[in-house]
Amino acid sequence: MSDTQTLDKVRALVIPIVGDLQLDLYDLEFRGGTLRVTIDTPVGSTAGVDLDTIALATRLIGREFDHHDPVPGHYTLEVTSPGLERTLRTPQHFQRELGKVVAIRLRDTTNADRRLQGVLTAADDRSATIQLDDAAIENGGERTVNYDQIDRARTVFTWGPSPKPGGKQPKTGSKNAKQASKKESAR
């Protein structure tokens, strides 16, 4: 049985389970004896997948696999979430992440840069358009890349301070900021 047939059987078993848990099957990969099932919350959800949900999905999927045995031979089942910086491999992955910052490494770099980073502004079944971070690039800073030109792509999570709920941030170095800092350390 080919890997494609195996993945089709696995997909047919996994989709109803993750659907019942109100989740999406983000990705499915079988490599090196490891079957990786990546699950995620539906598009537009503010929360991610927590460990309890992953544990429950693992038990349900494992039980279904024990009953139907879709993978020949020995394998390791790994159920995971895509994480903050998620890999983008399919057109659906790109379409799901519109408006987010992505980093792309290209396969062939004749006459172009190998690495691109910027906001994903459009994605269809054949290509993705990125508003590049470097605005000095021609074409208004946008670049459209066919998926077959992409070696690797992922979303980029930007770390930074989050604003305090319900109030303005005190300016750094101001008297109010120093007082707020002292109050926080006294607690």
Protein backbone atom coordinates (compact mmCIF):
# COMPACT_ATOMS: atom_id res chain seq x y z
CA MET A 1 0.00 0.00 0.00
CA SER A 2 1.38 3.44 -0.94
CA ASP A 3 1.78 6.31 1.51
CA THR A 4 -0.94 8.20 -0.36
CA GLN A 5 -3.41 5.34 0.12
CA THR A 6 -2.44 5.05 3.78
CA LEU A 7 -2.93 8.78 4.34
CA ASP A 8 -6.31 8.64 2.59
CA LYS A 9 -7.44 5.84 4.94
CA VAL A 10 -6.11 7.73 7.96
CA ARG A 11 -7.79 10.97 6.82
CA ALA A 12 -11.14 9.17 6.46
CA LEU A 13 -10.88 7.94 10.06
CA VAL A 14 -9.53 11.17 11.60
CA ILE A 15 -11.83 13.80 10.04
CA PRO A 16 -15.02 12.63 11.81
CA ILE A 17 -13.21 12.46 15.16
CA VAL A 18 -11.76 15.98 14.98
CA GLY A 19 -15.07 17.25 13.60
CA ASP A 20 -16.90 15.85 16.66
CA LEU A 21 -14.37 17.72 18.84
CA GLN A 22 -15.17 20.92 16.86
CA LEU A 23 -11.64 21.04 15.47
CA ASP A 24 -10.06 20.99 12.00
CA LEU A 25 -7.54 18.55 10.58
CA TYR A 26 -4.71 20.98 9.78
CA ASP A 27 -2.17 18.52 8.39
CA LEU A 28 -1.40 14.84 8.06
CA GLU A 29 2.12 13.50 7.50
CA PHE A 30 3.67 10.04 7.52
CA ARG A 31 7.46 10.13 7.59
CA GLY A 32 10.12 7.91 9.12
CA GLY A 33 7.69 5.63 10.93
CA THR A 34 5.85 8.56 12.56
CA LEU A 35 2.27 9.38 11.68
CA ARG A 36 1.76 13.04 12.62
CA VAL A 37 -1.84 14.25 12.90
CA THR A 38 -1.96 18.04 13.30
CA ILE A 39 -5.24 19.45 14.61
CA ASP A 40 -6.33 23.05 15.04
CA THR A 41 -9.28 25.17 16.05
CA PRO A 42 -11.57 26.38 13.25
CA VAL A 43 -10.56 29.45 11.24
CA GLY A 44 -11.33 32.63 13.16
CA SER A 45 -11.10 31.07 16.63
CA THR A 46 -9.26 33.18 19.17
CA ALA A 47 -8.02 30.24 21.24
CA GLY A 48 -5.71 27.42 20.24
CA VAL A 49 -5.78 23.71 20.96
CA ASP A 50 -4.93 22.91 24.59
CA LEU A 51 -3.15 19.83 25.95
CA ASP A 52 -6.34 18.25 27.32
CA THR A 53 -7.93 18.42 23.86
CA ILE A 54 -4.81 16.93 22.24
CA ALA A 55 -4.81 14.11 24.83
CA LEU A 56 -8.49 13.39 24.17
CA ALA A 57 -7.98 13.43 20.39
CA THR A 58 -4.98 11.10 20.77
CA ARG A 59 -7.03 8.57 22.77
CA LEU A 60 -9.97 8.68 20.32
CA ILE A 61 -7.77 8.44 17.21
CA GLY A 62 -5.64 5.66 18.77
CA ARG A 63 -8.77 3.66 19.65
CA GLU A 64 -10.10 4.06 16.10
CA PHE A 65 -6.74 2.99 14.62
CA ASP A 66 -6.62 -0.06 16.91
CA HIS A 67 -10.02 -1.06 15.57
CA HIS A 68 -9.41 -0.39 11.83
CA ASP A 69 -5.57 -0.67 11.58
CA PRO A 70 -5.10 1.81 8.67
CA VAL A 71 -1.29 1.84 8.81
CA PRO A 72 0.63 -1.33 7.91
CA GLY A 73 3.54 -2.25 10.17
CA HIS A 74 4.90 -0.42 13.18
CA TYR A 75 4.46 3.33 13.53
CA THR A 76 4.29 6.04 16.16
CA LEU A 77 1.13 8.14 16.36
CA GLU A 78 1.76 11.79 17.17
CA VAL A 79 -1.18 14.16 17.61
CA THR A 80 -0.16 17.80 17.83
CA SER A 81 -1.20 21.38 17.15
CA PRO A 82 0.48 23.52 14.50
CA GLY A 83 1.84 25.90 17.15
CA LEU A 84 2.40 29.65 16.98
CA GLU A 85 4.78 29.50 14.06
CA ARG A 86 3.00 27.01 11.87
CA THR A 87 4.33 25.34 8.76
CA LEU A 88 2.52 26.24 5.55
CA ARG A 89 2.52 23.38 3.02
CA THR A 90 -0.81 23.46 1.19
CA PRO A 91 -2.87 26.19 -0.51
CA GLN A 92 -5.43 25.79 2.30
CA HIS A 93 -2.72 26.57 4.89
CA PHE A 94 -1.87 29.82 3.09
CA GLN A 95 -5.54 30.76 2.64
CA ARG A 96 -6.14 30.20 6.34
CA GLU A 97 -3.33 32.58 7.39
CA LEU A 98 -4.22 35.67 5.33
CA GLY A 99 -3.21 38.90 7.06
CA LYS A 100 -0.43 37.26 9.07
CA VAL A 101 3.33 37.68 8.75
CA VAL A 102 4.97 34.78 6.92
CA ALA A 103 8.56 33.78 6.16
CA ILE A 104 9.23 31.95 2.91
CA ARG A 105 12.36 30.26 1.59
CA LEU A 106 12.40 29.68 -2.17
CA ARG A 107 13.83 26.67 -4.02
CA ASP A 108 15.40 28.41 -7.04
CA THR A 109 16.72 31.91 -6.62
CA THR A 110 17.80 32.97 -10.09
CA ASN A 111 17.34 36.76 -10.29
CA ALA A 112 15.61 36.97 -6.88
CA ASP A 113 16.14 36.81 -3.17
CA ARG A 114 15.94 33.36 -1.58
CA ARG A 115 14.17 34.50 1.61
CA LEU A 116 11.03 36.60 1.78
CA GLN A 117 9.15 37.92 4.78
CA GLY A 118 6.02 40.02 4.96
CA VAL A 119 2.26 40.01 5.35
CA LEU A 120 0.34 37.37 3.40
CA THR A 121 -2.21 39.42 1.43
CA ALA A 122 -3.66 36.86 -0.99
CA ALA A 123 -3.60 33.11 -1.66
CA ASP A 124 -5.31 30.94 -4.25
CA ASP A 125 -4.83 27.37 -5.45
CA ARG A 126 -1.56 28.13 -7.29
CA SER A 127 0.20 31.04 -5.56
CA ALA A 128 0.50 33.37 -2.58
CA THR A 129 1.06 37.13 -2.55
CA ILE A 130 3.21 38.71 0.15
CA GLN A 131 3.48 42.41 1.03
CA LEU A 132 7.22 42.43 1.70
CA ASP A 133 8.71 44.05 4.79
CA ASP A 134 11.18 45.95 2.61
CA ALA A 135 9.02 48.62 0.93
CA ALA A 136 11.86 49.58 -1.42
CA ILE A 137 11.13 46.53 -3.59
CA GLU A 138 9.58 47.16 -7.02
CA ASN A 139 5.87 46.41 -7.67
CA GLY A 140 4.85 48.30 -4.54
CA GLY A 141 6.62 45.83 -2.27
CA GLU A 142 4.39 42.89 -3.24
CA ARG A 143 5.59 39.58 -4.55
CA THR A 144 3.53 36.67 -5.85
CA VAL A 145 5.12 33.25 -5.52
CA ASN A 146 3.87 29.97 -6.99
CA TYR A 147 3.67 27.17 -4.43
CA ASP A 148 5.98 24.95 -6.49
CA GLN A 149 8.73 27.60 -6.05
CA ILE A 150 8.51 27.41 -2.25
CA ASP A 151 10.96 25.25 -0.34
CA ARG A 152 9.66 26.13 3.15
CA ALA A 153 7.10 28.55 4.56
CA ARG A 154 5.81 29.34 8.04
CA THR A 155 3.95 32.00 9.93
CA VAL A 156 6.01 34.36 12.09
CA PHE A 157 4.89 35.11 15.62
CA THR A 158 5.88 38.59 16.76
CA TRP A 159 6.79 38.75 20.43
CA GLY A 160 6.08 41.96 22.24
CA PRO A 161 4.45 43.47 25.27
CA SER A 162 0.69 43.24 25.41
CA PRO A 163 -1.23 46.31 26.52
CA LYS A 164 -2.75 46.33 29.98
CA PRO A 165 -6.48 45.81 29.90
CA GLY A 166 -8.60 48.88 30.58
CA GLY A 167 -5.96 51.56 30.58
CA LYS A 168 -3.19 53.45 28.87
CA GLN A 169 0.37 52.27 29.13
CA PRO A 170 2.53 54.58 31.25
CA LYS A 171 5.50 56.02 29.40
CA THR A 172 8.83 54.38 30.16
CA GLY A 173 10.91 56.50 32.47
CA SER A 174 7.96 58.60 33.63
CA LYS A 175 7.06 59.15 37.25
CA ASN A 176 3.83 57.13 36.83
CA ALA A 177 5.71 54.20 35.30
CA LYS A 178 8.19 54.14 38.20
CA GLN A 179 5.36 54.29 40.75
CA ALA A 180 3.46 51.51 38.96
CA SER A 181 6.64 49.42 38.89
CA LYS A 182 7.16 49.93 42.64
CA LYS A 183 3.52 48.94 43.35
CA GLU A 184 3.91 45.75 41.27
CA SER A 185 7.14 44.79 43.06
CA ALA A 186 5.58 45.40 46.46
CA ARG A 187 2.83 42.86 45.73
